[in-house]
Amino acid sequence: MKRAILFVAAGVAAVSLAACQKQQDKAADAAASAPAAVDAAQDATSAAVGQVSAATVGANSTEAFVTALATSDMYEIGAGGIAQTKGQSADVKAFGKMMVTAHTAMSNEVKPLFIAAAAKVPTELDQRRKGLIDNLNAATPADFDATYLSQQEAAHQEALTLLKGYADGGSDAGLKAAAAKAIPKVQAHLDKVHALQAAKK
């Protein structure tokens, strides 16, 4: 009797495992056939994480502020370069070029302040922003402009939160002044993104 129950249990387990595997295979197939949806979800998650992170570290840690700001500029420069190549509209290409120029200048402006604050400056993107860059590189021509502009909207909102937080509550006077000075520039970039998005609707 015990042996019969064990066989039945083993059979049920095997059927359950097979059903689970089929569900996983279906999910994998769906993901493979709809990469744009997966990328959009990843970008949306990144935007939410970025906002929380920026609100948390902006006013609380000079080291974290420097890391976040330097990484933000690196992402903007990389994404802008891709937009100049893959952008479908002249406006998106021009915006990408403007981002490379503006964020290179902003990055160069704060480098002496980073050194003066004795802060460790990252030399490469974090995993979250590497994922954003990967999504831009993987975007189809038809999806690229919308994907880039959506990322830019989230990135500039995150940067504004970060800059405002440090300008209000940061501990390093030089970096506080630089953050306050950068806010209108970043706001202007965000306004331009919104104008480009509105023009595409």
N, C-alpha and C. Protein backbone atom coordinates (compact mmCIF):
# COMPACT_ATOMS: atom_id res chain seq x y z
N MET A 1 0.84 -1.21 0.00
CA MET A 1 0.00 0.00 0.00
C MET A 1 0.87 1.25 0.00
N LYS A 2 1.90 1.22 0.90
CA LYS A 2 2.81 2.37 0.97
C LYS A 2 3.50 2.59 -0.37
N ARG A 3 3.91 1.45 -0.99
CA ARG A 3 4.58 1.55 -2.29
C ARG A 3 3.66 2.16 -3.33
N ALA A 4 2.41 1.78 -3.33
CA ALA A 4 1.43 2.32 -4.28
C ALA A 4 1.25 3.81 -4.08
N ILE A 5 1.19 4.25 -2.82
CA ILE A 5 1.04 5.68 -2.53
C ILE A 5 2.26 6.45 -3.00
N LEU A 6 3.44 5.86 -2.78
CA LEU A 6 4.68 6.51 -3.24
C LEU A 6 4.69 6.66 -4.76
N PHE A 7 4.25 5.62 -5.47
CA PHE A 7 4.21 5.69 -6.94
C PHE A 7 3.25 6.79 -7.40
N VAL A 8 2.09 6.86 -6.74
CA VAL A 8 1.09 7.88 -7.08
C VAL A 8 1.66 9.27 -6.81
N ALA A 9 2.31 9.43 -5.64
CA ALA A 9 2.90 10.72 -5.29
C ALA A 9 3.98 11.11 -6.29
N ALA A 10 4.80 10.12 -6.66
CA ALA A 10 5.87 10.40 -7.63
C ALA A 10 5.28 10.80 -8.97
N GLY A 11 4.19 10.13 -9.36
CA GLY A 11 3.54 10.46 -10.62
C GLY A 11 2.97 11.86 -10.62
N VAL A 12 2.32 12.23 -9.50
CA VAL A 12 1.75 13.58 -9.36
C VAL A 12 2.87 14.62 -9.42
N ALA A 13 3.97 14.34 -8.72
CA ALA A 13 5.10 15.28 -8.72
C ALA A 13 5.66 15.45 -10.13
N ALA A 14 5.77 14.34 -10.86
CA ALA A 14 6.31 14.41 -12.23
C ALA A 14 5.40 15.23 -13.13
N VAL A 15 4.09 15.02 -13.00
CA VAL A 15 3.13 15.79 -13.80
C VAL A 15 3.20 17.27 -13.44
N SER A 16 3.31 17.56 -12.13
CA SER A 16 3.39 18.95 -11.68
C SER A 16 4.64 19.63 -12.21
N LEU A 17 5.77 18.91 -12.16
CA LEU A 17 7.02 19.47 -12.67
C LEU A 17 6.92 19.74 -14.18
N ALA A 18 6.32 18.80 -14.89
CA ALA A 18 6.16 18.98 -16.33
C ALA A 18 5.29 20.20 -16.63
N ALA A 19 4.22 20.37 -15.85
CA ALA A 19 3.34 21.52 -16.05
C ALA A 19 4.08 22.82 -15.76
N CYS A 20 4.86 22.82 -14.67
CA CYS A 20 5.65 24.01 -14.33
C CYS A 20 6.64 24.35 -15.44
N GLN A 21 7.28 23.31 -15.97
CA GLN A 21 8.27 23.52 -17.03
C GLN A 21 7.60 24.10 -18.27
N LYS A 22 6.39 23.60 -18.57
CA LYS A 22 5.66 24.14 -19.73
C LYS A 22 5.34 25.61 -19.53
N GLN A 23 4.92 25.97 -18.28
CA GLN A 23 4.61 27.37 -17.98
C GLN A 23 5.86 28.24 -18.13
N GLN A 24 7.01 27.74 -17.63
CA GLN A 24 8.27 28.49 -17.75
C GLN A 24 8.66 28.65 -19.22
N ASP A 25 8.48 27.56 -19.99
CA ASP A 25 8.80 27.63 -21.41
C ASP A 25 7.91 28.65 -22.12
N LYS A 26 6.61 28.65 -21.77
CA LYS A 26 5.69 29.62 -22.37
C LYS A 26 6.10 31.04 -22.02
N ALA A 27 6.48 31.26 -20.75
CA ALA A 27 6.91 32.59 -20.32
C ALA A 27 8.17 33.02 -21.06
N ALA A 28 9.10 32.08 -21.21
CA ALA A 28 10.35 32.39 -21.92
C ALA A 28 10.06 32.71 -23.38
N ASP A 29 9.15 31.91 -24.01
CA ASP A 29 8.79 32.17 -25.40
C ASP A 29 8.13 33.53 -25.55
N ALA A 30 7.27 33.88 -24.60
CA ALA A 30 6.58 35.18 -24.65
C ALA A 30 7.59 36.31 -24.51
N ALA A 31 8.55 36.12 -23.62
CA ALA A 31 9.57 37.16 -23.43
C ALA A 31 10.41 37.31 -24.68
N ALA A 32 10.73 36.18 -25.31
CA ALA A 32 11.57 36.23 -26.52
C ALA A 32 10.83 36.87 -27.68
N SER A 33 9.52 36.63 -27.75
CA SER A 33 8.76 37.18 -28.87
C SER A 33 8.33 38.63 -28.64
N ALA A 34 8.47 39.13 -27.39
CA ALA A 34 8.07 40.50 -27.10
C ALA A 34 9.13 41.23 -26.29
N PRO A 35 10.37 41.37 -26.84
CA PRO A 35 11.43 42.00 -26.09
C PRO A 35 11.15 43.45 -25.74
N ALA A 36 10.38 44.16 -26.58
CA ALA A 36 10.10 45.57 -26.32
C ALA A 36 9.33 45.73 -25.01
N ALA A 37 8.36 44.82 -24.75
CA ALA A 37 7.58 44.89 -23.52
C ALA A 37 8.48 44.66 -22.31
N VAL A 38 9.39 43.68 -22.42
CA VAL A 38 10.31 43.40 -21.33
C VAL A 38 11.22 44.59 -21.10
N ASP A 39 11.74 45.19 -22.15
CA ASP A 39 12.62 46.35 -22.02
C ASP A 39 11.88 47.51 -21.38
N ALA A 40 10.65 47.75 -21.78
CA ALA A 40 9.86 48.85 -21.22
C ALA A 40 9.63 48.64 -19.73
N ALA A 41 9.38 47.39 -19.34
CA ALA A 41 9.19 47.09 -17.93
C ALA A 41 10.48 47.32 -17.15
N GLN A 42 11.59 46.91 -17.74
CA GLN A 42 12.89 47.11 -17.09
C GLN A 42 13.18 48.60 -16.94
N ASP A 43 12.92 49.38 -17.98
CA ASP A 43 13.14 50.82 -17.91
C ASP A 43 12.24 51.47 -16.86
N ALA A 44 10.98 51.02 -16.78
CA ALA A 44 10.05 51.58 -15.80
C ALA A 44 10.51 51.27 -14.37
N THR A 45 10.99 50.05 -14.17
CA THR A 45 11.51 49.67 -12.85
C THR A 45 12.73 50.51 -12.52
N SER A 46 13.60 50.71 -13.50
CA SER A 46 14.80 51.52 -13.29
C SER A 46 14.43 52.95 -12.89
N ALA A 47 13.41 53.50 -13.54
CA ALA A 47 12.97 54.87 -13.23
C ALA A 47 12.50 54.98 -11.79
N ALA A 48 11.71 53.99 -11.35
CA ALA A 48 11.20 54.01 -9.98
C ALA A 48 12.33 53.87 -8.96
N VAL A 49 13.24 52.95 -9.22
CA VAL A 49 14.39 52.75 -8.32
C VAL A 49 15.25 54.01 -8.28
N GLY A 50 15.45 54.62 -9.44
CA GLY A 50 16.26 55.83 -9.52
C GLY A 50 15.69 56.98 -8.70
N GLN A 51 14.37 57.15 -8.77
CA GLN A 51 13.72 58.22 -8.01
C GLN A 51 13.89 58.02 -6.50
N VAL A 52 13.66 56.80 -6.06
CA VAL A 52 13.80 56.50 -4.62
C VAL A 52 15.24 56.72 -4.18
N SER A 53 16.17 56.22 -5.00
CA SER A 53 17.59 56.36 -4.67
C SER A 53 18.00 57.83 -4.61
N ALA A 54 17.58 58.60 -5.60
CA ALA A 54 17.95 60.03 -5.66
C ALA A 54 17.38 60.78 -4.46
N ALA A 55 16.15 60.47 -4.09
CA ALA A 55 15.51 61.14 -2.95
C ALA A 55 16.20 60.76 -1.64
N THR A 56 16.73 59.54 -1.59
CA THR A 56 17.37 59.05 -0.37
C THR A 56 18.78 59.62 -0.20
N VAL A 57 19.57 59.56 -1.28
CA VAL A 57 20.98 59.94 -1.13
C VAL A 57 21.25 61.42 -1.37
N GLY A 58 20.34 62.09 -2.06
CA GLY A 58 20.60 63.47 -2.46
C GLY A 58 21.07 64.39 -1.35
N ALA A 59 20.41 64.30 -0.22
CA ALA A 59 20.74 65.22 0.88
C ALA A 59 21.48 64.56 2.02
N ASN A 60 21.75 63.26 1.90
CA ASN A 60 22.26 62.53 3.06
C ASN A 60 23.74 62.15 3.00
N SER A 61 24.33 62.13 1.84
CA SER A 61 25.71 61.66 1.75
C SER A 61 26.42 62.30 0.56
N THR A 62 27.54 62.97 0.84
CA THR A 62 28.31 63.57 -0.25
C THR A 62 28.87 62.48 -1.16
N GLU A 63 29.38 61.42 -0.57
CA GLU A 63 29.95 60.31 -1.35
C GLU A 63 28.90 59.73 -2.30
N ALA A 64 27.69 59.47 -1.78
CA ALA A 64 26.62 58.91 -2.60
C ALA A 64 26.16 59.90 -3.67
N PHE A 65 26.13 61.19 -3.31
CA PHE A 65 25.76 62.22 -4.28
C PHE A 65 26.73 62.25 -5.44
N VAL A 66 28.03 62.23 -5.13
CA VAL A 66 29.06 62.25 -6.17
C VAL A 66 28.93 61.03 -7.08
N THR A 67 28.75 59.87 -6.48
CA THR A 67 28.59 58.64 -7.27
C THR A 67 27.38 58.75 -8.19
N ALA A 68 26.26 59.20 -7.64
CA ALA A 68 25.03 59.30 -8.43
C ALA A 68 25.14 60.32 -9.55
N LEU A 69 25.74 61.47 -9.25
CA LEU A 69 25.85 62.53 -10.26
C LEU A 69 26.82 62.14 -11.37
N ALA A 70 27.96 61.57 -11.00
CA ALA A 70 28.94 61.16 -12.01
C ALA A 70 28.37 60.06 -12.90
N THR A 71 27.66 59.13 -12.29
CA THR A 71 27.06 58.03 -13.07
C THR A 71 25.97 58.56 -13.99
N SER A 72 25.20 59.52 -13.50
CA SER A 72 24.15 60.13 -14.31
C SER A 72 24.74 60.79 -15.56
N ASP A 73 25.83 61.55 -15.37
CA ASP A 73 26.46 62.21 -16.52
C ASP A 73 27.03 61.18 -17.51
N MET A 74 27.65 60.12 -16.98
CA MET A 74 28.19 59.08 -17.87
C MET A 74 27.08 58.44 -18.70
N TYR A 75 25.95 58.15 -18.04
CA TYR A 75 24.81 57.57 -18.76
C TYR A 75 24.32 58.52 -19.85
N GLU A 76 24.16 59.81 -19.51
CA GLU A 76 23.65 60.79 -20.47
C GLU A 76 24.56 60.89 -21.69
N ILE A 77 25.86 60.87 -21.46
CA ILE A 77 26.82 60.96 -22.56
C ILE A 77 26.74 59.71 -23.44
N GLY A 78 26.68 58.54 -22.80
CA GLY A 78 26.58 57.28 -23.57
C GLY A 78 25.28 57.18 -24.34
N ALA A 79 24.17 57.50 -23.68
CA ALA A 79 22.86 57.42 -24.33
C ALA A 79 22.74 58.44 -25.46
N GLY A 80 23.30 59.63 -25.23
CA GLY A 80 23.27 60.67 -26.26
C GLY A 80 24.04 60.25 -27.51
N GLY A 81 25.16 59.58 -27.30
CA GLY A 81 25.93 59.07 -28.44
C GLY A 81 25.15 58.07 -29.26
N ILE A 82 24.43 57.17 -28.57
CA ILE A 82 23.61 56.18 -29.26
C ILE A 82 22.47 56.88 -30.02
N ALA A 83 21.87 57.89 -29.40
CA ALA A 83 20.76 58.62 -30.04
C ALA A 83 21.21 59.31 -31.33
N GLN A 84 22.44 59.79 -31.34
CA GLN A 84 22.94 60.44 -32.55
C GLN A 84 23.06 59.45 -33.71
N THR A 85 23.32 58.19 -33.38
CA THR A 85 23.47 57.16 -34.41
C THR A 85 22.14 56.50 -34.77
N LYS A 86 21.37 56.13 -33.73
CA LYS A 86 20.15 55.34 -33.94
C LYS A 86 18.87 56.16 -34.00
N GLY A 87 18.92 57.43 -33.60
CA GLY A 87 17.72 58.26 -33.61
C GLY A 87 17.08 58.29 -34.99
N GLN A 88 15.75 58.24 -35.01
CA GLN A 88 15.03 58.22 -36.28
C GLN A 88 14.64 59.61 -36.75
N SER A 89 14.47 60.53 -35.81
CA SER A 89 14.10 61.88 -36.20
C SER A 89 15.30 62.81 -36.00
N ALA A 90 15.33 63.87 -36.77
CA ALA A 90 16.41 64.85 -36.65
C ALA A 90 16.40 65.50 -35.26
N ASP A 91 15.20 65.67 -34.68
CA ASP A 91 15.09 66.28 -33.36
C ASP A 91 15.71 65.41 -32.28
N VAL A 92 15.49 64.10 -32.36
CA VAL A 92 16.06 63.18 -31.37
C VAL A 92 17.58 63.12 -31.51
N LYS A 93 18.04 63.09 -32.75
CA LYS A 93 19.49 63.11 -32.98
C LYS A 93 20.12 64.38 -32.41
N ALA A 94 19.46 65.51 -32.65
CA ALA A 94 19.96 66.80 -32.15
C ALA A 94 19.95 66.84 -30.62
N PHE A 95 18.89 66.28 -30.03
CA PHE A 95 18.82 66.25 -28.58
C PHE A 95 19.93 65.37 -28.00
N GLY A 96 20.19 64.24 -28.64
CA GLY A 96 21.27 63.36 -28.21
C GLY A 96 22.61 64.09 -28.24
N LYS A 97 22.84 64.84 -29.32
CA LYS A 97 24.08 65.61 -29.43
C LYS A 97 24.17 66.66 -28.32
N MET A 98 23.04 67.32 -28.05
CA MET A 98 23.01 68.33 -27.00
C MET A 98 23.31 67.71 -25.64
N MET A 99 22.81 66.48 -25.39
CA MET A 99 23.05 65.81 -24.12
C MET A 99 24.53 65.48 -23.94
N VAL A 100 25.18 65.03 -25.01
CA VAL A 100 26.61 64.73 -24.93
C VAL A 100 27.39 66.00 -24.58
N THR A 101 27.09 67.08 -25.28
CA THR A 101 27.78 68.35 -25.05
C THR A 101 27.52 68.89 -23.64
N ALA A 102 26.25 68.94 -23.26
CA ALA A 102 25.87 69.54 -21.98
C ALA A 102 26.38 68.73 -20.79
N HIS A 103 26.25 67.42 -20.86
CA HIS A 103 26.65 66.60 -19.71
C HIS A 103 28.16 66.40 -19.64
N THR A 104 28.84 66.51 -20.77
CA THR A 104 30.31 66.52 -20.73
C THR A 104 30.78 67.78 -20.03
N ALA A 105 30.16 68.90 -20.38
CA ALA A 105 30.51 70.19 -19.74
C ALA A 105 30.19 70.16 -18.25
N MET A 106 29.02 69.64 -17.89
CA MET A 106 28.66 69.57 -16.47
C MET A 106 29.62 68.67 -15.70
N SER A 107 29.99 67.56 -16.31
CA SER A 107 30.92 66.62 -15.68
C SER A 107 32.29 67.27 -15.45
N ASN A 108 32.78 67.99 -16.45
CA ASN A 108 34.07 68.66 -16.33
C ASN A 108 34.03 69.77 -15.28
N GLU A 109 32.87 70.41 -15.15
CA GLU A 109 32.70 71.50 -14.19
C GLU A 109 32.80 71.03 -12.74
N VAL A 110 32.26 69.83 -12.48
CA VAL A 110 32.23 69.35 -11.09
C VAL A 110 33.45 68.51 -10.70
N LYS A 111 34.26 68.10 -11.68
CA LYS A 111 35.43 67.26 -11.35
C LYS A 111 36.33 67.88 -10.28
N PRO A 112 36.68 69.18 -10.38
CA PRO A 112 37.53 69.76 -9.32
C PRO A 112 36.84 69.76 -7.96
N LEU A 113 35.50 69.86 -7.96
CA LEU A 113 34.76 69.85 -6.71
C LEU A 113 34.74 68.45 -6.09
N PHE A 114 34.66 67.44 -6.95
CA PHE A 114 34.74 66.05 -6.47
C PHE A 114 36.09 65.81 -5.79
N ILE A 115 37.16 66.31 -6.44
CA ILE A 115 38.51 66.14 -5.89
C ILE A 115 38.63 66.87 -4.55
N ALA A 116 38.12 68.11 -4.52
CA ALA A 116 38.18 68.91 -3.29
C ALA A 116 37.41 68.25 -2.15
N ALA A 117 36.34 67.54 -2.49
CA ALA A 117 35.54 66.86 -1.47
C ALA A 117 36.13 65.51 -1.09
N ALA A 118 37.24 65.14 -1.74
CA ALA A 118 37.90 63.84 -1.49
C ALA A 118 36.94 62.67 -1.68
N ALA A 119 36.07 62.81 -2.69
CA ALA A 119 35.07 61.77 -2.96
C ALA A 119 35.59 60.82 -4.04
N LYS A 120 35.26 59.56 -3.88
CA LYS A 120 35.62 58.55 -4.88
C LYS A 120 34.65 58.67 -6.06
N VAL A 121 35.20 58.82 -7.26
CA VAL A 121 34.37 59.02 -8.45
C VAL A 121 34.32 57.72 -9.27
N PRO A 122 33.14 57.23 -9.60
CA PRO A 122 33.05 56.00 -10.39
C PRO A 122 33.60 56.21 -11.80
N THR A 123 34.11 55.14 -12.37
CA THR A 123 34.68 55.21 -13.73
C THR A 123 33.85 54.44 -14.74
N GLU A 124 32.81 53.76 -14.26
CA GLU A 124 31.92 53.04 -15.17
C GLU A 124 30.50 53.07 -14.65
N LEU A 125 29.57 52.76 -15.54
CA LEU A 125 28.15 52.77 -15.18
C LEU A 125 27.82 51.66 -14.19
N ASP A 126 26.80 51.91 -13.38
CA ASP A 126 26.28 50.86 -12.51
C ASP A 126 25.42 49.91 -13.36
N GLN A 127 25.03 48.78 -12.76
CA GLN A 127 24.28 47.76 -13.50
C GLN A 127 22.94 48.29 -14.01
N ARG A 128 22.29 49.12 -13.23
CA ARG A 128 20.98 49.65 -13.64
C ARG A 128 21.10 50.45 -14.92
N ARG A 129 22.08 51.33 -14.98
CA ARG A 129 22.22 52.16 -16.18
C ARG A 129 22.84 51.39 -17.34
N LYS A 130 23.64 50.38 -17.04
CA LYS A 130 24.10 49.50 -18.13
C LYS A 130 22.90 48.84 -18.79
N GLY A 131 21.91 48.47 -17.98
CA GLY A 131 20.69 47.88 -18.54
C GLY A 131 19.94 48.85 -19.43
N LEU A 132 19.91 50.13 -19.05
CA LEU A 132 19.26 51.14 -19.89
C LEU A 132 19.99 51.28 -21.23
N ILE A 133 21.31 51.32 -21.17
CA ILE A 133 22.11 51.41 -22.40
C ILE A 133 21.88 50.18 -23.28
N ASP A 134 21.84 49.01 -22.66
CA ASP A 134 21.57 47.77 -23.41
C ASP A 134 20.22 47.86 -24.11
N ASN A 135 19.22 48.40 -23.42
CA ASN A 135 17.89 48.52 -24.02
C ASN A 135 17.88 49.49 -25.20
N LEU A 136 18.67 50.55 -25.10
CA LEU A 136 18.77 51.48 -26.24
C LEU A 136 19.44 50.79 -27.43
N ASN A 137 20.49 50.06 -27.16
CA ASN A 137 21.19 49.36 -28.25
C ASN A 137 20.32 48.29 -28.89
N ALA A 138 19.44 47.67 -28.07
CA ALA A 138 18.59 46.60 -28.58
C ALA A 138 17.29 47.10 -29.21
N ALA A 139 16.93 48.35 -28.98
CA ALA A 139 15.66 48.88 -29.49
C ALA A 139 15.63 48.85 -31.01
N THR A 140 14.47 48.49 -31.55
CA THR A 140 14.30 48.50 -33.00
C THR A 140 14.24 49.96 -33.47
N PRO A 141 14.51 50.21 -34.75
CA PRO A 141 14.39 51.58 -35.26
C PRO A 141 13.01 52.18 -34.98
N ALA A 142 11.97 51.38 -35.11
CA ALA A 142 10.61 51.90 -34.89
C ALA A 142 10.38 52.30 -33.44
N ASP A 143 11.07 51.64 -32.50
CA ASP A 143 10.86 51.90 -31.08
C ASP A 143 11.89 52.85 -30.47
N PHE A 144 12.97 53.12 -31.20
CA PHE A 144 14.10 53.79 -30.56
C PHE A 144 13.75 55.17 -29.99
N ASP A 145 13.17 56.03 -30.79
CA ASP A 145 12.94 57.41 -30.33
C ASP A 145 12.09 57.44 -29.06
N ALA A 146 11.01 56.66 -29.03
CA ALA A 146 10.12 56.64 -27.86
C ALA A 146 10.86 56.07 -26.65
N THR A 147 11.66 55.03 -26.86
CA THR A 147 12.42 54.42 -25.76
C THR A 147 13.43 55.41 -25.20
N TYR A 148 14.15 56.08 -26.09
CA TYR A 148 15.16 57.05 -25.66
C TYR A 148 14.52 58.21 -24.89
N LEU A 149 13.44 58.75 -25.42
CA LEU A 149 12.78 59.89 -24.77
C LEU A 149 12.18 59.48 -23.42
N SER A 150 11.65 58.29 -23.34
CA SER A 150 11.11 57.81 -22.07
C SER A 150 12.22 57.68 -21.02
N GLN A 151 13.35 57.13 -21.45
CA GLN A 151 14.50 57.04 -20.55
C GLN A 151 14.99 58.42 -20.14
N GLN A 152 15.01 59.34 -21.09
CA GLN A 152 15.49 60.69 -20.79
C GLN A 152 14.58 61.41 -19.80
N GLU A 153 13.29 61.20 -19.95
CA GLU A 153 12.34 61.81 -19.01
C GLU A 153 12.64 61.31 -17.59
N ALA A 154 12.77 59.99 -17.44
CA ALA A 154 13.04 59.41 -16.12
C ALA A 154 14.39 59.85 -15.58
N ALA A 155 15.41 59.87 -16.45
CA ALA A 155 16.77 60.22 -16.02
C ALA A 155 16.85 61.66 -15.54
N HIS A 156 16.17 62.57 -16.24
CA HIS A 156 16.23 63.98 -15.84
C HIS A 156 15.37 64.26 -14.60
N GLN A 157 14.27 63.53 -14.45
CA GLN A 157 13.49 63.66 -13.21
C GLN A 157 14.33 63.18 -12.02
N GLU A 158 15.03 62.06 -12.22
CA GLU A 158 15.90 61.53 -11.17
C GLU A 158 17.01 62.51 -10.84
N ALA A 159 17.63 63.08 -11.87
CA ALA A 159 18.73 64.05 -11.66
C ALA A 159 18.23 65.28 -10.91
N LEU A 160 17.04 65.74 -11.26
CA LEU A 160 16.48 66.90 -10.56
C LEU A 160 16.26 66.61 -9.07
N THR A 161 15.72 65.45 -8.77
CA THR A 161 15.51 65.06 -7.38
C THR A 161 16.84 65.02 -6.63
N LEU A 162 17.84 64.44 -7.26
CA LEU A 162 19.18 64.34 -6.67
C LEU A 162 19.77 65.73 -6.41
N LEU A 163 19.74 66.58 -7.43
CA LEU A 163 20.34 67.91 -7.32
C LEU A 163 19.62 68.78 -6.29
N LYS A 164 18.29 68.75 -6.31
CA LYS A 164 17.51 69.55 -5.35
C LYS A 164 17.78 69.08 -3.92
N GLY A 165 17.88 67.78 -3.74
CA GLY A 165 18.14 67.23 -2.42
C GLY A 165 19.48 67.69 -1.87
N TYR A 166 20.51 67.65 -2.73
CA TYR A 166 21.83 68.06 -2.24
C TYR A 166 21.93 69.58 -2.10
N ALA A 167 21.32 70.30 -3.03
CA ALA A 167 21.33 71.77 -2.94
C ALA A 167 20.68 72.23 -1.64
N ASP A 168 19.65 71.51 -1.20
CA ASP A 168 18.94 71.89 0.03
C ASP A 168 19.63 71.38 1.30
N GLY A 169 20.16 70.17 1.24
CA GLY A 169 20.64 69.57 2.48
C GLY A 169 22.04 69.00 2.47
N GLY A 170 22.80 69.22 1.39
CA GLY A 170 24.15 68.67 1.32
C GLY A 170 25.11 69.34 2.29
N SER A 171 26.24 68.68 2.53
CA SER A 171 27.19 69.18 3.53
C SER A 171 28.41 69.88 2.93
N ASP A 172 28.66 69.69 1.62
CA ASP A 172 29.82 70.31 0.99
C ASP A 172 29.37 71.59 0.27
N ALA A 173 29.92 72.74 0.68
CA ALA A 173 29.46 74.03 0.14
C ALA A 173 29.66 74.14 -1.36
N GLY A 174 30.81 73.70 -1.86
CA GLY A 174 31.08 73.79 -3.29
C GLY A 174 30.12 72.95 -4.11
N LEU A 175 29.86 71.73 -3.66
CA LEU A 175 28.95 70.84 -4.37
C LEU A 175 27.50 71.31 -4.26
N LYS A 176 27.16 71.91 -3.10
CA LYS A 176 25.80 72.47 -2.95
C LYS A 176 25.57 73.57 -3.98
N ALA A 177 26.56 74.44 -4.16
CA ALA A 177 26.44 75.53 -5.13
C ALA A 177 26.36 74.99 -6.55
N ALA A 178 27.17 73.96 -6.84
CA ALA A 178 27.15 73.36 -8.18
C ALA A 178 25.80 72.69 -8.45
N ALA A 179 25.25 72.03 -7.45
CA ALA A 179 23.95 71.38 -7.61
C ALA A 179 22.87 72.41 -7.90
N ALA A 180 22.88 73.51 -7.15
CA ALA A 180 21.89 74.58 -7.36
C ALA A 180 22.03 75.18 -8.75
N LYS A 181 23.26 75.34 -9.20
CA LYS A 181 23.51 75.91 -10.53
C LYS A 181 23.04 74.98 -11.65
N ALA A 182 23.14 73.67 -11.41
CA ALA A 182 22.77 72.69 -12.45
C ALA A 182 21.26 72.50 -12.59
N ILE A 183 20.51 72.81 -11.54
CA ILE A 183 19.06 72.54 -11.55
C ILE A 183 18.34 73.19 -12.75
N PRO A 184 18.54 74.48 -13.04
CA PRO A 184 17.83 75.07 -14.20
C PRO A 184 18.21 74.41 -15.53
N LYS A 185 19.47 73.99 -15.67
CA LYS A 185 19.91 73.34 -16.91
C LYS A 185 19.19 72.00 -17.09
N VAL A 186 19.17 71.22 -16.00
CA VAL A 186 18.53 69.91 -16.07
C VAL A 186 17.02 70.06 -16.28
N GLN A 187 16.42 71.06 -15.66
CA GLN A 187 14.99 71.33 -15.87
C GLN A 187 14.72 71.69 -17.33
N ALA A 188 15.62 72.47 -17.93
CA ALA A 188 15.46 72.83 -19.35
C ALA A 188 15.55 71.59 -20.23
N HIS A 189 16.44 70.65 -19.88
CA HIS A 189 16.54 69.39 -20.64
C HIS A 189 15.23 68.61 -20.52
N LEU A 190 14.68 68.54 -19.31
CA LEU A 190 13.43 67.81 -19.10
C LEU A 190 12.29 68.47 -19.88
N ASP A 191 12.25 69.78 -19.88
CA ASP A 191 11.22 70.50 -20.65
C ASP A 191 11.32 70.18 -22.14
N LYS A 192 12.55 70.09 -22.63
CA LYS A 192 12.77 69.75 -24.05
C LYS A 192 12.30 68.34 -24.35
N VAL A 193 12.58 67.41 -23.43
CA VAL A 193 12.11 66.03 -23.60
C VAL A 193 10.59 66.01 -23.70
N HIS A 194 9.92 66.73 -22.80
CA HIS A 194 8.45 66.77 -22.83
C HIS A 194 7.93 67.37 -24.14
N ALA A 195 8.63 68.36 -24.65
CA ALA A 195 8.22 68.98 -25.93
C ALA A 195 8.38 67.96 -27.07
N LEU A 196 9.46 67.23 -27.07
CA LEU A 196 9.69 66.21 -28.11
C LEU A 196 8.65 65.10 -28.03
N GLN A 197 8.33 64.69 -26.80
CA GLN A 197 7.31 63.65 -26.64
C GLN A 197 5.94 64.13 -27.11
N ALA A 198 5.61 65.38 -26.81
CA ALA A 198 4.32 65.94 -27.22
C ALA A 198 4.24 66.03 -28.74
N ALA A 199 5.34 66.35 -29.38
CA ALA A 199 5.37 66.48 -30.84
C ALA A 199 5.18 65.15 -31.53
N LYS A 200 5.47 64.05 -30.85
CA LYS A 200 5.36 62.72 -31.45
C LYS A 200 3.97 62.11 -31.27
N LYS A 201 3.12 62.76 -30.45
CA LYS A 201 1.78 62.19 -30.21
C LYS A 201 0.83 62.56 -31.32
